[in-house]
Amino acid sequence: MIGSFESKEDIKIIEFGAGNGTLAYDIKKSLNTLGCKNFSYEPIDKLPSNSVEKIYTYDEKKIQKANGIIISNELFDALPHHLYEIKNNKVYEKYVIWKNNKYEEILDSPSDSCISKRIKKIDKFFDNAVGEVYCSQSSIFNSFIAYLNKGYIVTIDYGLSEKDLFYNGKKNSNISVINDHNFYENYFYKPGFSDITFQVDINELLYNFKNINYELSYLGNQREFLFDLGIGEILGKLSSLDKPPEEINYNRYAINQLIKPNGMGSYFVTVHSNFDTNFKFSEIKLNENLLDNIPLIEDYPQRFELPGVYKKNNIIKEGWK
C-alpha cells in the first residue's frame, strides 16, 4: 500500500482507537523488519496512554492533512450506540438511571431522530424488538476526511448486515460484554472494568464510506485476508525456527486465534480508497524477508494476555516431557 503512492514523501499511517499502542508498536516493528522506511505512524485515541508508545489525542487544531493509510481495528464496535426497543409499533430509547444503589434501565422518548431514521431504512417490519443504532453522523467520518488528502482506510471489525441480525421479527441484543475473556449478557457487569462492544452493521458502514467518496476495493474475512498476506507460510516456518518450543507455541497459538473460523477469523476486513490506484490484493506476492525475519511477539508493558487455554496447553506440553 505504501508503495502504491506516486510521491516519494513519507506516507502517514494513522491508527484510530489505538488504545495503549500495542498494535502501533507491532506494526512499526514489522514494517522496519521488512525494510520499509518512508512512513510515519500516528496512533490516536480519545485519551493518552501511559505506555511506552506515545498516543496522540484527537485535536483538530493539530491536524496536518497528508497522503496515507488509516487503520481502524475494532473501532466501530466500540463507538457509542443508542439502545432502543420497539413496543406496540412505538420506538423508545433505553436509558440508565441510578436507583436504590444500583443501575436500572428505563424506556423513554428517543434522544436523537437518527434512531427512527435508521430503523426505517431496514426493509423489514418488526415489533416488540430490541436493538442498537450507531448514529453515523458521528464525527468519526469527518475525522477520516480531515486527516487524508488521498489514501486508504483499512477496517477490521465484527458484525453482519443489519437485516441478517433479525429473525422472525425479533432481534436479540447484539451487545457483547467481555470481562477476563468471559462473555456476559448483563452490560452492568463490573462497570468500568468490562469491554462493551456492538455488532457492526456492515451495510450501513459501507454506505457511510461511500458518502465520503471512499470506494470499496476489498471485502473479506480476517482469515482470508491474513492467508492472502502469507500467514499460512509463517505458520509453516515457525516450527523450523531456532527458538525455544514455548516461544514457538506461544506465537503459533496467537496466530491461530486470529484465523479461527468460528472466532476472530470471521471478523470482516474492508479496504477503501479515495483515489485511482493499481494496488490489488490478488496480485500481492509473499515478501521473503517476512519468512526470514518473522516478527515474533515481544514483551510490551500492556500487551493483552492470551487466554487460559494457552496456559493449559503449556501444562500439557510439560507433561509430555
C-alpha atoms as a PDB file:
ATOM      1  CA  MET A   1       0.000   0.000   0.000  1.00  0.00           C
ATOM      2  CA  ILE A   2       2.762   2.421   0.926  1.00  0.00           C
ATOM      3  CA  GLY A   3       4.495   1.718  -2.372  1.00  0.00           C
ATOM      4  CA  SER A   4       1.342   2.396  -4.394  1.00  0.00           C
ATOM      5  CA  PHE A   5       1.536   6.149  -3.758  1.00  0.00           C
ATOM      6  CA  GLU A   6       3.222   8.049  -6.550  1.00  0.00           C
ATOM      7  CA  SER A   7       5.009  10.550  -4.343  1.00  0.00           C
ATOM      8  CA  LYS A   8       8.262   9.773  -2.546  1.00  0.00           C
ATOM      9  CA  GLU A   9       7.170  11.583   0.606  1.00  0.00           C
ATOM     10  CA  ASP A  10       6.709   9.771   3.885  1.00  0.00           C
ATOM     11  CA  ILE A  11       3.298   8.162   3.983  1.00  0.00           C
ATOM     12  CA  LYS A  12       1.402   8.806   7.186  1.00  0.00           C
ATOM     13  CA  ILE A  13      -0.217   5.813   8.892  1.00  0.00           C
ATOM     14  CA  ILE A  14      -2.935   6.879  11.322  1.00  0.00           C
ATOM     15  CA  GLU A  15      -4.479   4.399  13.722  1.00  0.00           C
ATOM     16  CA  PHE A  16      -7.821   5.445  15.182  1.00  0.00           C
ATOM     17  CA  GLY A  17      -8.661   3.918  18.558  1.00  0.00           C
ATOM     18  CA  ALA A  18      -5.059   2.963  19.300  1.00  0.00           C
ATOM     19  CA  GLY A  19      -5.632   2.119  22.975  1.00  0.00           C
ATOM     20  CA  ASN A  20      -2.293   1.602  24.701  1.00  0.00           C
ATOM     21  CA  GLY A  21      -0.337   1.426  21.429  1.00  0.00           C
ATOM     22  CA  THR A  22       0.316  -2.317  21.244  1.00  0.00           C
ATOM     23  CA  LEU A  23      -0.718  -2.608  17.592  1.00  0.00           C
ATOM     24  CA  ALA A  24       1.234   0.540  16.715  1.00  0.00           C
ATOM     25  CA  TYR A  25       4.336  -0.925  18.314  1.00  0.00           C
ATOM     26  CA  ASP A  26       3.984  -4.215  16.420  1.00  0.00           C
ATOM     27  CA  ILE A  27       3.220  -2.653  13.027  1.00  0.00           C
ATOM     28  CA  LYS A  28       6.157  -0.243  13.213  1.00  0.00           C
ATOM     29  CA  LYS A  29       8.468  -3.073  14.191  1.00  0.00           C
ATOM     30  CA  SER A  30       7.195  -5.268  11.344  1.00  0.00           C
ATOM     31  CA  LEU A  31       7.471  -2.553   8.691  1.00  0.00           C
ATOM     32  CA  ASN A  32      11.024  -1.785   9.756  1.00  0.00           C
ATOM     33  CA  THR A  33      11.816  -5.506   9.606  1.00  0.00           C
ATOM     34  CA  LEU A  34      10.550  -5.573   6.018  1.00  0.00           C
ATOM     35  CA  GLY A  35      12.819  -2.650   5.154  1.00  0.00           C
ATOM     36  CA  CYS A  36      10.047  -0.082   4.785  1.00  0.00           C
ATOM     37  CA  LYS A  37      11.329   3.351   5.778  1.00  0.00           C
ATOM     38  CA  ASN A  38       9.169   6.020   4.140  1.00  0.00           C
ATOM     39  CA  PHE A  39       6.346   6.098   6.650  1.00  0.00           C
ATOM     40  CA  SER A  40       5.361   7.802   9.877  1.00  0.00           C
ATOM     41  CA  TYR A  41       2.914   6.320  12.374  1.00  0.00           C
ATOM     42  CA  GLU A  42       0.417   8.296  14.430  1.00  0.00           C
ATOM     43  CA  PRO A  43      -1.639   6.316  16.963  1.00  0.00           C
ATOM     44  CA  ILE A  44      -4.704   8.308  18.090  1.00  0.00           C
ATOM     45  CA  ASP A  45      -7.214   7.780  20.859  1.00  0.00           C
ATOM     46  CA  LYS A  46      -9.589   9.812  22.997  1.00  0.00           C
ATOM     47  CA  LEU A  47      -7.240   9.533  25.960  1.00  0.00           C
ATOM     48  CA  PRO A  48      -3.444   9.493  26.234  1.00  0.00           C
ATOM     49  CA  SER A  49      -1.702   6.320  27.353  1.00  0.00           C
ATOM     50  CA  ASN A  50       0.991   5.827  29.962  1.00  0.00           C
ATOM     51  CA  SER A  51       2.568   3.090  27.850  1.00  0.00           C
ATOM     52  CA  VAL A  52       5.921   3.283  26.060  1.00  0.00           C
ATOM     53  CA  GLU A  53       4.165   4.059  22.761  1.00  0.00           C
ATOM     54  CA  LYS A  54       3.076   7.689  22.642  1.00  0.00           C
ATOM     55  CA  ILE A  55      -0.660   8.021  21.956  1.00  0.00           C
ATOM     56  CA  TYR A  56      -1.941  11.259  20.491  1.00  0.00           C
ATOM     57  CA  THR A  57      -5.337  12.638  21.417  1.00  0.00           C
ATOM     58  CA  TYR A  58      -7.611  13.896  18.676  1.00  0.00           C
ATOM     59  CA  ASP A  59      -7.193  17.643  18.323  1.00  0.00           C
ATOM     60  CA  GLU A  60      -8.483  19.325  15.170  1.00  0.00           C
ATOM     61  CA  LYS A  61      -6.062  22.251  15.543  1.00  0.00           C
ATOM     62  CA  LYS A  62      -3.074  19.932  15.188  1.00  0.00           C
ATOM     63  CA  ILE A  63      -4.260  18.007  12.124  1.00  0.00           C
ATOM     64  CA  GLN A  64      -1.863  18.061   9.192  1.00  0.00           C
ATOM     65  CA  LYS A  65      -3.590  16.599   6.167  1.00  0.00           C
ATOM     66  CA  ALA A  66      -1.453  14.103   4.268  1.00  0.00           C
ATOM     67  CA  ASN A  67      -1.424  11.136   1.933  1.00  0.00           C
ATOM     68  CA  GLY A  68      -1.677   7.993   3.946  1.00  0.00           C
ATOM     69  CA  ILE A  69      -3.428   4.983   5.406  1.00  0.00           C
ATOM     70  CA  ILE A  70      -5.969   4.928   8.221  1.00  0.00           C
ATOM     71  CA  ILE A  71      -6.182   1.768  10.323  1.00  0.00           C
ATOM     72  CA  SER A  72      -9.483   1.127  12.077  1.00  0.00           C
ATOM     73  CA  ASN A  73      -9.049  -2.042  14.137  1.00  0.00           C
ATOM     74  CA  GLU A  74     -12.146  -2.880  16.205  1.00  0.00           C
ATOM     75  CA  LEU A  75     -13.028   0.798  16.275  1.00  0.00           C
ATOM     76  CA  PHE A  76     -16.643   0.912  15.118  1.00  0.00           C
ATOM     77  CA  ASP A  77     -17.834  -1.774  17.539  1.00  0.00           C
ATOM     78  CA  ALA A  78     -16.548   0.394  20.399  1.00  0.00           C
ATOM     79  CA  LEU A  79     -18.226   3.656  19.363  1.00  0.00           C
ATOM     80  CA  PRO A  80     -21.224   4.861  21.414  1.00  0.00           C
ATOM     81  CA  HIS A  81     -24.536   3.338  20.369  1.00  0.00           C
ATOM     82  CA  HIS A  82     -28.133   4.166  21.171  1.00  0.00           C
ATOM     83  CA  LEU A  83     -30.121   1.261  22.593  1.00  0.00           C
ATOM     84  CA  TYR A  84     -33.751   1.099  21.507  1.00  0.00           C
ATOM     85  CA  GLU A  85     -36.833  -1.017  21.999  1.00  0.00           C
ATOM     86  CA  ILE A  86     -39.933  -1.180  19.819  1.00  0.00           C
ATOM     87  CA  LYS A  87     -43.162  -1.860  21.714  1.00  0.00           C
ATOM     88  CA  ASN A  88     -46.584  -1.758  20.071  1.00  0.00           C
ATOM     89  CA  ASN A  89     -45.078  -0.113  16.987  1.00  0.00           C
ATOM     90  CA  LYS A  90     -43.572   2.719  19.012  1.00  0.00           C
ATOM     91  CA  VAL A  91     -39.838   3.375  19.237  1.00  0.00           C
ATOM     92  CA  TYR A  92     -38.297   4.032  22.642  1.00  0.00           C
ATOM     93  CA  GLU A  93     -34.723   4.625  23.680  1.00  0.00           C
ATOM     94  CA  LYS A  94     -33.200   2.825  26.636  1.00  0.00           C
ATOM     95  CA  TYR A  95     -31.673   4.960  29.371  1.00  0.00           C
ATOM     96  CA  VAL A  96     -29.757   4.083  32.507  1.00  0.00           C
ATOM     97  CA  ILE A  97     -30.564   5.523  35.917  1.00  0.00           C
ATOM     98  CA  TRP A  98     -29.054   5.028  39.352  1.00  0.00           C
ATOM     99  CA  LYS A  99     -31.750   3.900  41.783  1.00  0.00           C
ATOM    100  CA  ASN A 100     -31.647   2.046  45.090  1.00  0.00           C
ATOM    101  CA  ASN A 101     -27.855   1.813  44.872  1.00  0.00           C
ATOM    102  CA  LYS A 102     -27.867   0.045  41.538  1.00  0.00           C
ATOM    103  CA  TYR A 103     -28.147   0.741  37.811  1.00  0.00           C
ATOM    104  CA  GLU A 104     -31.572   0.334  36.262  1.00  0.00           C
ATOM    105  CA  GLU A 105     -32.850   0.606  32.729  1.00  0.00           C
ATOM    106  CA  ILE A 106     -35.863   2.690  31.705  1.00  0.00           C
ATOM    107  CA  LEU A 107     -37.601   3.446  28.394  1.00  0.00           C
ATOM    108  CA  ASP A 108     -38.324   6.975  27.220  1.00  0.00           C
ATOM    109  CA  SER A 109     -38.560   9.069  24.064  1.00  0.00           C
ATOM    110  CA  PRO A 110     -35.547   8.836  21.711  1.00  0.00           C
ATOM    111  CA  SER A 111     -32.865  11.464  22.235  1.00  0.00           C
ATOM    112  CA  ASP A 112     -31.964  11.610  18.532  1.00  0.00           C
ATOM    113  CA  SER A 113     -34.028  11.344  15.345  1.00  0.00           C
ATOM    114  CA  CYS A 114     -31.288   9.165  13.831  1.00  0.00           C
ATOM    115  CA  ILE A 115     -32.754   6.169  15.686  1.00  0.00           C
ATOM    116  CA  SER A 116     -36.090   6.216  13.854  1.00  0.00           C
ATOM    117  CA  LYS A 117     -34.415   7.144  10.564  1.00  0.00           C
ATOM    118  CA  ARG A 118     -32.077   4.168  10.823  1.00  0.00           C
ATOM    119  CA  ILE A 119     -34.897   1.749  11.684  1.00  0.00           C
ATOM    120  CA  LYS A 120     -36.938   2.948   8.682  1.00  0.00           C
ATOM    121  CA  LYS A 121     -34.045   2.082   6.364  1.00  0.00           C
ATOM    122  CA  ILE A 122     -34.341  -1.598   7.297  1.00  0.00           C
ATOM    123  CA  ASP A 123     -36.552  -3.247   4.700  1.00  0.00           C
ATOM    124  CA  LYS A 124     -38.406  -5.413   7.182  1.00  0.00           C
ATOM    125  CA  PHE A 125     -41.339  -4.829   9.531  1.00  0.00           C
ATOM    126  CA  PHE A 126     -40.802  -5.823  13.120  1.00  0.00           C
ATOM    127  CA  ASP A 127     -42.323  -5.094  16.516  1.00  0.00           C
ATOM    128  CA  ASN A 128     -41.510  -5.950  20.125  1.00  0.00           C
ATOM    129  CA  ALA A 129     -37.821  -5.957  19.275  1.00  0.00           C
ATOM    130  CA  VAL A 130     -34.665  -4.514  20.758  1.00  0.00           C
ATOM    131  CA  GLY A 131     -31.563  -3.286  19.019  1.00  0.00           C
ATOM    132  CA  GLU A 132     -28.727  -0.805  18.769  1.00  0.00           C
ATOM    133  CA  VAL A 133     -28.091   2.135  16.476  1.00  0.00           C
ATOM    134  CA  TYR A 134     -24.827   3.872  15.800  1.00  0.00           C
ATOM    135  CA  CYS A 135     -25.696   7.355  14.604  1.00  0.00           C
ATOM    136  CA  SER A 136     -23.393   7.641  11.611  1.00  0.00           C
ATOM    137  CA  GLN A 137     -23.496  11.435  11.688  1.00  0.00           C
ATOM    138  CA  SER A 138     -20.734  11.000  14.259  1.00  0.00           C
ATOM    139  CA  SER A 139     -17.600  12.997  13.629  1.00  0.00           C
ATOM    140  CA  ILE A 140     -15.509   9.858  13.053  1.00  0.00           C
ATOM    141  CA  PHE A 141     -16.072  10.001   9.282  1.00  0.00           C
ATOM    142  CA  ASN A 142     -15.350  13.727   9.283  1.00  0.00           C
ATOM    143  CA  SER A 143     -12.099  12.873  11.046  1.00  0.00           C
ATOM    144  CA  PHE A 144     -11.140  10.494   8.249  1.00  0.00           C
ATOM    145  CA  ILE A 145     -11.682  13.283   5.730  1.00  0.00           C
ATOM    146  CA  ALA A 146      -9.750  15.758   7.875  1.00  0.00           C
ATOM    147  CA  TYR A 147      -6.657  13.555   8.064  1.00  0.00           C
ATOM    148  CA  LEU A 148      -6.280  12.314   4.488  1.00  0.00           C
ATOM    149  CA  ASN A 149      -5.812  14.017   1.132  1.00  0.00           C
ATOM    150  CA  LYS A 150      -5.787  10.688  -0.610  1.00  0.00           C
ATOM    151  CA  GLY A 151      -5.326   7.292   0.874  1.00  0.00           C
ATOM    152  CA  TYR A 152      -6.693   4.018   2.144  1.00  0.00           C
ATOM    153  CA  ILE A 153      -8.871   3.113   5.100  1.00  0.00           C
ATOM    154  CA  VAL A 154      -8.385  -0.421   6.429  1.00  0.00           C
ATOM    155  CA  THR A 155     -11.222  -1.593   8.681  1.00  0.00           C
ATOM    156  CA  ILE A 156     -11.147  -4.748  10.802  1.00  0.00           C
ATOM    157  CA  ASP A 157     -14.228  -5.426  12.911  1.00  0.00           C
ATOM    158  CA  TYR A 158     -17.058  -7.855  13.515  1.00  0.00           C
ATOM    159  CA  GLY A 159     -20.688  -7.652  12.505  1.00  0.00           C
ATOM    160  CA  LEU A 160     -23.352  -8.540   9.975  1.00  0.00           C
ATOM    161  CA  SER A 161     -25.807  -6.946   7.631  1.00  0.00           C
ATOM    162  CA  GLU A 162     -28.481  -5.341   9.817  1.00  0.00           C
ATOM    163  CA  LYS A 163     -31.176  -7.339   8.027  1.00  0.00           C
ATOM    164  CA  ASP A 164     -29.404 -10.573   8.971  1.00  0.00           C
ATOM    165  CA  LEU A 165     -29.469  -9.595  12.631  1.00  0.00           C
ATOM    166  CA  PHE A 166     -33.240 -10.051  12.701  1.00  0.00           C
ATOM    167  CA  TYR A 167     -35.065 -13.357  12.915  1.00  0.00           C
ATOM    168  CA  ASN A 168     -38.855 -13.786  12.871  1.00  0.00           C
ATOM    169  CA  GLY A 169     -39.282 -10.087  13.515  1.00  0.00           C
ATOM    170  CA  LYS A 170     -37.359 -10.163  16.788  1.00  0.00           C
ATOM    171  CA  LYS A 171     -33.797  -9.216  17.455  1.00  0.00           C
ATOM    172  CA  ASN A 172     -31.717 -10.298  20.391  1.00  0.00           C
ATOM    173  CA  SER A 173     -29.310  -7.720  21.702  1.00  0.00           C
ATOM    174  CA  ASN A 174     -26.057  -7.583  19.769  1.00  0.00           C
ATOM    175  CA  ILE A 175     -24.137  -6.203  22.713  1.00  0.00           C
ATOM    176  CA  SER A 176     -21.216  -8.234  23.974  1.00  0.00           C
ATOM    177  CA  VAL A 177     -19.882  -7.642  27.462  1.00  0.00           C
ATOM    178  CA  ILE A 178     -16.426  -9.117  27.922  1.00  0.00           C
ATOM    179  CA  ASN A 179     -14.504  -9.388  31.171  1.00  0.00           C
ATOM    180  CA  ASP A 180     -11.405 -11.548  31.636  1.00  0.00           C
ATOM    181  CA  HIS A 181     -12.130 -13.441  28.372  1.00  0.00           C
ATOM    182  CA  ASN A 182     -15.673 -14.284  29.516  1.00  0.00           C
ATOM    183  CA  PHE A 183     -18.879 -13.052  27.865  1.00  0.00           C
ATOM    184  CA  TYR A 184     -21.827 -11.673  29.820  1.00  0.00           C
ATOM    185  CA  GLU A 185     -25.319 -10.557  28.793  1.00  0.00           C
ATOM    186  CA  ASN A 186     -25.588  -8.036  31.619  1.00  0.00           C
ATOM    187  CA  TYR A 187     -23.936  -4.790  30.496  1.00  0.00           C
ATOM    188  CA  PHE A 188     -23.932  -3.575  34.076  1.00  0.00           C
ATOM    189  CA  TYR A 189     -21.381  -6.265  34.913  1.00  0.00           C
ATOM    190  CA  LYS A 190     -18.380  -4.598  36.577  1.00  0.00           C
ATOM    191  CA  PRO A 191     -18.807  -1.124  35.042  1.00  0.00           C
ATOM    192  CA  GLY A 192     -15.506   0.401  34.026  1.00  0.00           C
ATOM    193  CA  PHE A 193     -13.750  -2.970  34.006  1.00  0.00           C
ATOM    194  CA  SER A 194     -15.690  -4.694  31.220  1.00  0.00           C
ATOM    195  CA  ASP A 195     -15.444  -4.184  27.470  1.00  0.00           C
ATOM    196  CA  ILE A 196     -18.855  -3.404  25.946  1.00  0.00           C
ATOM    197  CA  THR A 197     -18.903  -3.964  22.191  1.00  0.00           C
ATOM    198  CA  PHE A 198     -21.527  -3.999  19.441  1.00  0.00           C
ATOM    199  CA  GLN A 199     -22.026  -5.935  16.221  1.00  0.00           C
ATOM    200  CA  VAL A 200     -21.275  -3.566  13.342  1.00  0.00           C
ATOM    201  CA  ASP A 201     -23.881  -3.123  10.623  1.00  0.00           C
ATOM    202  CA  ILE A 202     -21.713  -3.751   7.555  1.00  0.00           C
ATOM    203  CA  ASN A 203     -24.168  -2.348   5.013  1.00  0.00           C
ATOM    204  CA  GLU A 204     -24.508   0.906   6.910  1.00  0.00           C
ATOM    205  CA  LEU A 205     -20.721   1.119   7.264  1.00  0.00           C
ATOM    206  CA  LEU A 206     -20.207   0.686   3.507  1.00  0.00           C
ATOM    207  CA  TYR A 207     -22.882   3.318   2.882  1.00  0.00           C
ATOM    208  CA  ASN A 208     -21.083   5.796   5.150  1.00  0.00           C
ATOM    209  CA  PHE A 209     -17.754   5.252   3.401  1.00  0.00           C
ATOM    210  CA  LYS A 210     -19.400   5.835   0.039  1.00  0.00           C
ATOM    211  CA  ASN A 211     -20.857   9.064   1.419  1.00  0.00           C
ATOM    212  CA  ILE A 212     -17.335  10.418   1.990  1.00  0.00           C
ATOM    213  CA  ASN A 213     -16.240   9.271  -1.504  1.00  0.00           C
ATOM    214  CA  TYR A 214     -14.252   6.212  -0.435  1.00  0.00           C
ATOM    215  CA  GLU A 215     -14.801   3.258  -2.764  1.00  0.00           C
ATOM    216  CA  LEU A 216     -14.607  -0.355  -1.638  1.00  0.00           C
ATOM    217  CA  SER A 217     -11.629  -2.241  -3.064  1.00  0.00           C
ATOM    218  CA  TYR A 218     -11.581  -5.257  -0.743  1.00  0.00           C
ATOM    219  CA  LEU A 219     -14.150  -7.090   1.403  1.00  0.00           C
ATOM    220  CA  GLY A 220     -13.455 -10.417   3.069  1.00  0.00           C
ATOM    221  CA  ASN A 221     -12.999 -12.052   6.424  1.00  0.00           C
ATOM    222  CA  GLN A 222      -9.878 -11.826   8.552  1.00  0.00           C
ATOM    223  CA  ARG A 223      -8.950 -15.456   7.935  1.00  0.00           C
ATOM    224  CA  GLU A 224      -8.924 -14.992   4.139  1.00  0.00           C
ATOM    225  CA  PHE A 225      -7.201 -11.633   4.460  1.00  0.00           C
ATOM    226  CA  LEU A 226      -4.314 -12.984   6.541  1.00  0.00           C
ATOM    227  CA  PHE A 227      -3.844 -16.084   4.395  1.00  0.00           C
ATOM    228  CA  ASP A 228      -3.663 -13.828   1.334  1.00  0.00           C
ATOM    229  CA  LEU A 229      -0.854 -11.961   3.088  1.00  0.00           C
ATOM    230  CA  GLY A 230       1.127 -15.146   3.884  1.00  0.00           C
ATOM    231  CA  ILE A 231       0.167 -16.151   7.408  1.00  0.00           C
ATOM    232  CA  GLY A 232      -0.039 -19.808   6.310  1.00  0.00           C
ATOM    233  CA  GLU A 233       3.601 -19.725   5.231  1.00  0.00           C
ATOM    234  CA  ILE A 234       4.514 -18.059   8.514  1.00  0.00           C
ATOM    235  CA  LEU A 235       2.835 -20.869  10.469  1.00  0.00           C
ATOM    236  CA  GLY A 236       4.816 -23.401   8.479  1.00  0.00           C
ATOM    237  CA  LYS A 237       8.088 -21.557   9.015  1.00  0.00           C
ATOM    238  CA  LEU A 238       7.602 -21.149  12.766  1.00  0.00           C
ATOM    239  CA  SER A 239       8.326 -24.811  13.507  1.00  0.00           C
ATOM    240  CA  SER A 240      11.785 -24.632  11.939  1.00  0.00           C
ATOM    241  CA  LEU A 241      12.937 -21.567  13.874  1.00  0.00           C
ATOM    242  CA  ASP A 242      15.816 -21.939  16.303  1.00  0.00           C
ATOM    243  CA  LYS A 243      13.705 -20.796  19.217  1.00  0.00           C
ATOM    244  CA  PRO A 244      12.556 -22.421  22.475  1.00  0.00           C
ATOM    245  CA  PRO A 245       9.411 -24.589  21.967  1.00  0.00           C
ATOM    246  CA  GLU A 246       7.479 -22.416  24.419  1.00  0.00           C
ATOM    247  CA  GLU A 247       8.084 -19.290  22.313  1.00  0.00           C
ATOM    248  CA  ILE A 248       7.120 -21.060  19.077  1.00  0.00           C
ATOM    249  CA  ASN A 249       3.942 -22.438  20.664  1.00  0.00           C
ATOM    250  CA  TYR A 250       3.066 -19.019  22.057  1.00  0.00           C
ATOM    251  CA  ASN A 251       3.302 -17.399  18.624  1.00  0.00           C
ATOM    252  CA  ARG A 252       1.527 -20.273  16.881  1.00  0.00           C
ATOM    253  CA  TYR A 253      -1.349 -20.098  19.339  1.00  0.00           C
ATOM    254  CA  ALA A 254      -1.624 -16.320  18.893  1.00  0.00           C
ATOM    255  CA  ILE A 255      -1.852 -16.735  15.095  1.00  0.00           C
ATOM    256  CA  ASN A 256      -4.452 -19.476  15.437  1.00  0.00           C
ATOM    257  CA  GLN A 257      -6.592 -17.121  17.495  1.00  0.00           C
ATOM    258  CA  LEU A 258      -6.577 -14.634  14.599  1.00  0.00           C
ATOM    259  CA  ILE A 259      -7.670 -17.173  11.963  1.00  0.00           C
ATOM    260  CA  LYS A 260     -10.141 -19.391  13.857  1.00  0.00           C
ATOM    261  CA  PRO A 261     -13.192 -19.746  11.550  1.00  0.00           C
ATOM    262  CA  ASN A 262     -15.649 -19.514  14.457  1.00  0.00           C
ATOM    263  CA  GLY A 263     -13.720 -16.753  16.215  1.00  0.00           C
ATOM    264  CA  MET A 264     -11.595 -13.807  15.132  1.00  0.00           C
ATOM    265  CA  GLY A 265     -11.123 -15.371  11.701  1.00  0.00           C
ATOM    266  CA  SER A 266     -14.737 -14.467  10.944  1.00  0.00           C
ATOM    267  CA  TYR A 267     -14.165 -10.736  11.541  1.00  0.00           C
ATOM    268  CA  PHE A 268     -14.675  -8.721   8.376  1.00  0.00           C
ATOM    269  CA  VAL A 269     -11.921  -6.719   6.680  1.00  0.00           C
ATOM    270  CA  THR A 270     -12.578  -3.876   4.259  1.00  0.00           C
ATOM    271  CA  VAL A 271     -10.212  -1.651   2.333  1.00  0.00           C
ATOM    272  CA  HIS A 272     -11.486   1.645   0.913  1.00  0.00           C
ATOM    273  CA  SER A 273      -9.638   4.269  -1.098  1.00  0.00           C
ATOM    274  CA  ASN A 274     -10.444   7.716  -2.482  1.00  0.00           C
ATOM    275  CA  PHE A 275      -8.041   7.699  -5.436  1.00  0.00           C
ATOM    276  CA  ASP A 276      -7.222   5.624  -8.510  1.00  0.00           C
ATOM    277  CA  THR A 277      -4.577   3.092  -7.560  1.00  0.00           C
ATOM    278  CA  ASN A 278      -3.108  -0.004  -9.156  1.00  0.00           C
ATOM    279  CA  PHE A 279      -2.872  -1.751  -5.793  1.00  0.00           C
ATOM    280  CA  LYS A 280      -4.672  -5.133  -5.866  1.00  0.00           C
ATOM    281  CA  PHE A 281      -4.750  -7.784  -3.170  1.00  0.00           C
ATOM    282  CA  SER A 282      -4.993 -10.510  -5.808  1.00  0.00           C
ATOM    283  CA  GLU A 283      -1.533  -9.549  -7.077  1.00  0.00           C
ATOM    284  CA  ILE A 284       0.282  -9.485  -3.732  1.00  0.00           C
ATOM    285  CA  LYS A 285       3.378 -11.662  -3.629  1.00  0.00           C
ATOM    286  CA  LEU A 286       4.833 -13.017  -0.425  1.00  0.00           C
ATOM    287  CA  ASN A 287       7.711 -10.917   0.848  1.00  0.00           C
ATOM    288  CA  GLU A 288      10.535 -13.402   1.506  1.00  0.00           C
ATOM    289  CA  ASN A 289      12.003 -11.032   4.109  1.00  0.00           C
ATOM    290  CA  LEU A 290       8.949 -11.809   6.193  1.00  0.00           C
ATOM    291  CA  LEU A 291       9.806 -15.520   6.378  1.00  0.00           C
ATOM    292  CA  ASP A 292      13.451 -14.783   7.137  1.00  0.00           C
ATOM    293  CA  ASN A 293      12.559 -12.262   9.850  1.00  0.00           C
ATOM    294  CA  ILE A 294       9.223 -13.308  11.310  1.00  0.00           C
ATOM    295  CA  PRO A 295       8.254 -10.543  13.771  1.00  0.00           C
ATOM    296  CA  LEU A 296       7.633 -12.705  16.822  1.00  0.00           C
ATOM    297  CA  ILE A 297       5.647 -11.373  19.761  1.00  0.00           C
ATOM    298  CA  GLU A 298       7.774  -9.222  22.026  1.00  0.00           C
ATOM    299  CA  ASP A 299       7.175  -8.142  25.584  1.00  0.00           C
ATOM    300  CA  TYR A 300       5.112  -4.982  25.769  1.00  0.00           C
ATOM    301  CA  PRO A 301       4.057  -3.267  29.018  1.00  0.00           C
ATOM    302  CA  GLN A 302       0.309  -3.642  28.438  1.00  0.00           C
ATOM    303  CA  ARG A 303       0.057  -6.473  25.928  1.00  0.00           C
ATOM    304  CA  PHE A 304      -3.234  -8.333  26.061  1.00  0.00           C
ATOM    305  CA  GLU A 305      -2.657 -11.710  27.692  1.00  0.00           C
ATOM    306  CA  LEU A 306      -3.546 -14.870  25.791  1.00  0.00           C
ATOM    307  CA  PRO A 307      -6.457 -16.712  27.429  1.00  0.00           C
ATOM    308  CA  GLY A 308      -6.107 -19.560  29.883  1.00  0.00           C
ATOM    309  CA  VAL A 309      -6.404 -22.303  27.271  1.00  0.00           C
ATOM    310  CA  TYR A 310      -2.879 -21.414  26.102  1.00  0.00           C
ATOM    311  CA  LYS A 311      -1.564 -21.850  29.627  1.00  0.00           C
ATOM    312  CA  LYS A 312      -3.284 -25.255  29.790  1.00  0.00           C
ATOM    313  CA  ASN A 313      -1.535 -26.226  26.555  1.00  0.00           C
ATOM    314  CA  ASN A 314       1.773 -25.341  28.185  1.00  0.00           C
ATOM    315  CA  ILE A 315       0.987 -27.566  31.155  1.00  0.00           C
ATOM    316  CA  ILE A 316       0.130 -30.460  28.841  1.00  0.00           C
ATOM    317  CA  LYS A 317       3.361 -29.951  26.907  1.00  0.00           C
ATOM    318  CA  GLU A 318       5.389 -30.049  30.119  1.00  0.00           C
ATOM    319  CA  GLY A 319       3.639 -33.302  30.985  1.00  0.00           C
ATOM    320  CA  TRP A 320       4.744 -34.847  27.683  1.00  0.00           C
ATOM    321  CA  LYS A 321       8.351 -34.148  28.567  1.00  0.00           C
END
